[in-house]
Amino acid sequence: MSAVSNRAAGLAPAARLLASWWSRPTAEERERWAAAWEDAFELEPERVAALRDAAEEAAPEALLEEYERLFVGPGRVPCAPYESLWREDLPRRERGRLMGDAADDVVRIYRETGLRVRAGAHELPDHVAVEWEALAYALEQGADDAAEGLARMHLAAWMGPFCSAVATATAEPFYALLAELTSAWTGDAAR
């Protein structure tokens, strides 16, 4: 197995888990979490155990309410989960604008790996969960250039400020711990 294959074997499950944990915490999604905890422990036992404990200790409706407050609204939200809104390295005219150049570029990468954002999808292509899911898929397919582009040019460019904002704004330990874990795993993915 090559060094790239070894790296992908470890990063793909982490990326898939992050996609799930950053998704709306419906009952169905939380069932996926419950089924994945054992595999997740293999990646980073202490942080994952703390995240699992926080997820299990939180009332399901409290996690959903916090997700809505942080990421959905109504009204202005403290941590909109879209890359286009967080990129400081974009031209000034693009900053803070949904569906900007960053979103266009991830759509291009998705197409290169055979992915498409479903018509009628609830999330934009540069949503945090969508980007992590696409990274997992690219790694699993051996699409190394696409995976590297997603990790280095996209996720690494906005996860730091986004996760910092989530950790500061949240009232739920689950989201604070998820932000910490995501920051750590983003560094691993971007190497």
Protein backbone atom coordinates (compact mmCIF):
# COMPACT_ATOMS: atom_id res chain seq x y z
CA MET A 1 0.00 0.00 0.00
CA SER A 2 1.43 3.40 -0.94
CA ALA A 3 1.86 6.31 1.46
CA VAL A 4 -1.09 8.07 -0.21
CA SER A 5 -3.24 4.93 0.17
CA ASN A 6 -2.28 4.57 3.84
CA ARG A 7 -3.11 8.23 4.47
CA ALA A 8 -6.43 7.95 2.61
CA ALA A 9 -7.37 4.82 4.56
CA GLY A 10 -7.22 6.82 7.79
CA LEU A 11 -8.63 10.11 6.54
CA ALA A 12 -11.66 8.85 4.62
CA PRO A 13 -13.44 7.49 7.72
CA ALA A 14 -12.62 10.68 9.65
CA ALA A 15 -14.01 12.84 6.85
CA ARG A 16 -17.16 10.71 6.64
CA LEU A 17 -17.67 11.01 10.40
CA LEU A 18 -17.21 14.78 10.32
CA ALA A 19 -19.77 15.02 7.51
CA SER A 20 -22.26 13.16 9.66
CA TRP A 21 -21.54 15.09 12.86
CA TRP A 22 -21.89 18.46 11.06
CA SER A 23 -25.24 17.40 9.57
CA ARG A 24 -28.59 18.33 11.08
CA PRO A 25 -28.95 16.06 14.17
CA THR A 26 -32.22 14.38 13.26
CA ALA A 27 -33.16 11.08 14.89
CA GLU A 28 -31.96 9.27 11.75
CA GLU A 29 -28.61 11.08 11.78
CA ARG A 30 -28.12 10.37 15.49
CA GLU A 31 -28.70 6.67 14.75
CA ARG A 32 -25.82 6.88 12.25
CA TRP A 33 -23.69 8.43 14.98
CA ALA A 34 -24.53 5.58 17.38
CA ALA A 35 -23.55 3.01 14.77
CA ALA A 36 -20.23 4.78 14.04
CA TRP A 37 -18.85 5.47 17.52
CA GLU A 38 -16.82 2.24 17.71
CA ASP A 39 -15.08 2.92 14.41
CA ALA A 40 -14.51 6.53 15.42
CA PHE A 41 -12.75 5.49 18.65
CA GLU A 42 -10.03 3.88 16.57
CA LEU A 43 -9.17 7.28 15.07
CA GLU A 44 -8.81 9.29 18.27
CA PRO A 45 -10.16 7.56 21.40
CA GLU A 46 -10.15 10.38 23.96
CA ARG A 47 -11.68 13.17 21.88
CA VAL A 48 -14.20 10.84 20.27
CA ALA A 49 -15.24 9.43 23.67
CA ALA A 50 -15.80 12.97 24.94
CA LEU A 51 -17.81 13.82 21.82
CA ARG A 52 -19.90 10.66 22.18
CA ASP A 53 -20.56 11.39 25.85
CA ALA A 54 -21.63 14.95 25.01
CA ALA A 55 -23.95 13.67 22.25
CA GLU A 56 -25.50 11.08 24.55
CA GLU A 57 -25.89 13.49 27.47
CA ALA A 58 -27.58 16.17 25.38
CA ALA A 59 -31.32 15.98 24.94
CA PRO A 60 -32.05 15.32 21.26
CA GLU A 61 -34.23 18.42 21.01
CA ALA A 62 -31.50 20.54 22.64
CA LEU A 63 -28.93 19.45 20.05
CA LEU A 64 -31.37 20.15 17.24
CA GLU A 65 -32.27 23.57 18.67
CA GLU A 66 -28.60 24.46 19.01
CA TYR A 67 -27.91 23.32 15.44
CA GLU A 68 -30.74 25.53 14.19
CA ARG A 69 -29.58 28.50 16.29
CA LEU A 70 -25.94 28.21 15.22
CA PHE A 71 -26.32 27.31 11.56
CA VAL A 72 -29.85 27.79 10.21
CA GLY A 73 -31.83 30.57 11.86
CA PRO A 74 -34.36 32.22 11.51
CA GLY A 75 -32.55 35.46 11.14
CA ARG A 76 -28.83 36.04 11.33
CA VAL A 77 -26.90 33.03 12.60
CA PRO A 78 -23.58 33.15 14.45
CA CYS A 79 -21.90 30.42 12.40
CA ALA A 80 -23.30 30.01 8.91
CA PRO A 81 -21.80 26.69 7.73
CA TYR A 82 -20.76 27.79 4.23
CA GLU A 83 -17.20 28.20 3.00
CA SER A 84 -18.11 31.19 0.83
CA LEU A 85 -18.94 33.20 3.94
CA TRP A 86 -15.70 32.42 5.82
CA ARG A 87 -12.95 32.82 3.24
CA GLU A 88 -10.85 35.90 3.99
CA ASP A 89 -8.43 35.19 1.13
CA LEU A 90 -11.04 35.82 -1.55
CA PRO A 91 -11.36 39.11 -3.42
CA ARG A 92 -13.25 41.67 -1.37
CA ARG A 93 -16.28 41.55 -3.67
CA GLU A 94 -16.61 37.79 -2.96
CA ARG A 95 -16.32 37.89 0.84
CA GLY A 96 -19.45 37.19 2.80
CA ARG A 97 -21.43 36.21 -0.29
CA LEU A 98 -23.17 32.85 -0.62
CA MET A 99 -22.45 30.79 -3.73
CA GLY A 100 -19.29 32.70 -4.60
CA ASP A 101 -16.10 31.49 -6.25
CA ALA A 102 -15.38 29.00 -3.44
CA ALA A 103 -18.71 27.26 -4.04
CA ASP A 104 -18.12 27.22 -7.80
CA ASP A 105 -14.69 25.66 -7.29
CA VAL A 106 -15.95 22.87 -5.01
CA VAL A 107 -18.67 22.07 -7.57
CA ARG A 108 -15.91 21.74 -10.19
CA ILE A 109 -13.99 19.37 -7.90
CA TYR A 110 -17.13 17.36 -7.23
CA ARG A 111 -17.71 16.95 -10.97
CA GLU A 112 -14.11 15.77 -11.45
CA THR A 113 -14.74 12.96 -8.97
CA GLY A 114 -18.13 12.06 -10.45
CA LEU A 115 -20.18 13.74 -7.73
CA ARG A 116 -23.08 16.10 -8.20
CA VAL A 117 -25.08 18.06 -5.70
CA ARG A 118 -28.59 16.62 -5.97
CA ALA A 119 -31.27 18.79 -7.48
CA GLY A 120 -33.45 19.77 -4.56
CA ALA A 121 -30.64 19.23 -2.04
CA HIS A 122 -31.19 21.07 1.21
CA GLU A 123 -27.61 22.29 1.49
CA LEU A 124 -25.41 24.39 -0.75
CA PRO A 125 -22.31 22.75 -2.25
CA ASP A 126 -19.92 24.53 0.15
CA HIS A 127 -21.77 23.47 3.33
CA VAL A 128 -19.40 22.03 5.92
CA ALA A 129 -21.02 18.56 5.88
CA VAL A 130 -21.12 18.43 2.07
CA GLU A 131 -17.41 19.30 1.75
CA TRP A 132 -16.38 16.66 4.33
CA GLU A 133 -18.57 14.06 2.60
CA ALA A 134 -17.00 14.93 -0.76
CA LEU A 135 -13.52 14.61 0.73
CA ALA A 136 -14.38 11.15 2.09
CA TYR A 137 -15.68 10.11 -1.32
CA ALA A 138 -12.62 11.46 -3.16
CA LEU A 139 -10.29 9.62 -0.78
CA GLU A 140 -12.26 6.37 -1.11
CA GLN A 141 -12.19 6.64 -4.92
CA GLY A 142 -8.45 7.32 -5.02
CA ALA A 143 -9.07 10.76 -6.53
CA ASP A 144 -5.94 12.16 -4.90
CA ASP A 145 -5.88 15.50 -6.74
CA ALA A 146 -9.51 16.21 -5.86
CA ALA A 147 -8.96 15.15 -2.25
CA GLU A 148 -5.91 17.36 -1.97
CA GLY A 149 -7.77 20.30 -3.49
CA LEU A 150 -10.69 19.89 -1.10
CA ALA A 151 -8.46 19.47 1.94
CA ARG A 152 -5.84 22.13 1.28
CA MET A 153 -7.56 24.75 -0.84
CA HIS A 154 -10.99 24.55 0.72
CA LEU A 155 -11.41 22.93 4.14
CA ALA A 156 -8.08 24.19 5.49
CA ALA A 157 -8.93 27.70 4.27
CA TRP A 158 -12.00 28.10 6.46
CA MET A 159 -12.28 25.43 9.15
CA GLY A 160 -10.06 27.39 11.57
CA PRO A 161 -12.20 30.53 11.80
CA PHE A 162 -15.45 28.58 11.44
CA CYS A 163 -14.59 26.13 14.24
CA SER A 164 -13.36 28.96 16.46
CA ALA A 165 -16.66 30.78 15.98
CA VAL A 166 -18.65 27.61 16.76
CA ALA A 167 -16.64 26.95 19.93
CA THR A 168 -17.23 30.54 21.08
CA ALA A 169 -20.92 30.74 20.15
CA THR A 170 -22.21 27.36 21.26
CA ALA A 171 -23.96 26.51 24.49
CA GLU A 172 -23.75 22.76 23.81
CA PRO A 173 -20.60 20.81 24.75
CA PHE A 174 -21.14 18.57 21.71
CA TYR A 175 -20.58 21.43 19.27
CA ALA A 176 -17.61 22.82 21.22
CA LEU A 177 -15.96 19.39 21.18
CA LEU A 178 -16.87 18.85 17.52
CA ALA A 179 -15.23 22.17 16.64
CA GLU A 180 -12.05 21.14 18.49
CA LEU A 181 -11.93 17.72 16.84
CA THR A 182 -12.63 19.18 13.40
CA SER A 183 -9.77 21.66 13.76
CA ALA A 184 -7.39 18.83 14.63
CA TRP A 185 -8.57 16.56 11.81
CA THR A 186 -8.48 19.42 9.30
CA GLY A 187 -4.78 19.80 10.03
CA ASP A 188 -4.31 16.07 9.39
CA ALA A 189 -6.27 16.23 6.13
CA ALA A 190 -4.34 19.23 4.81
CA ARG A 191 -0.91 17.64 5.28
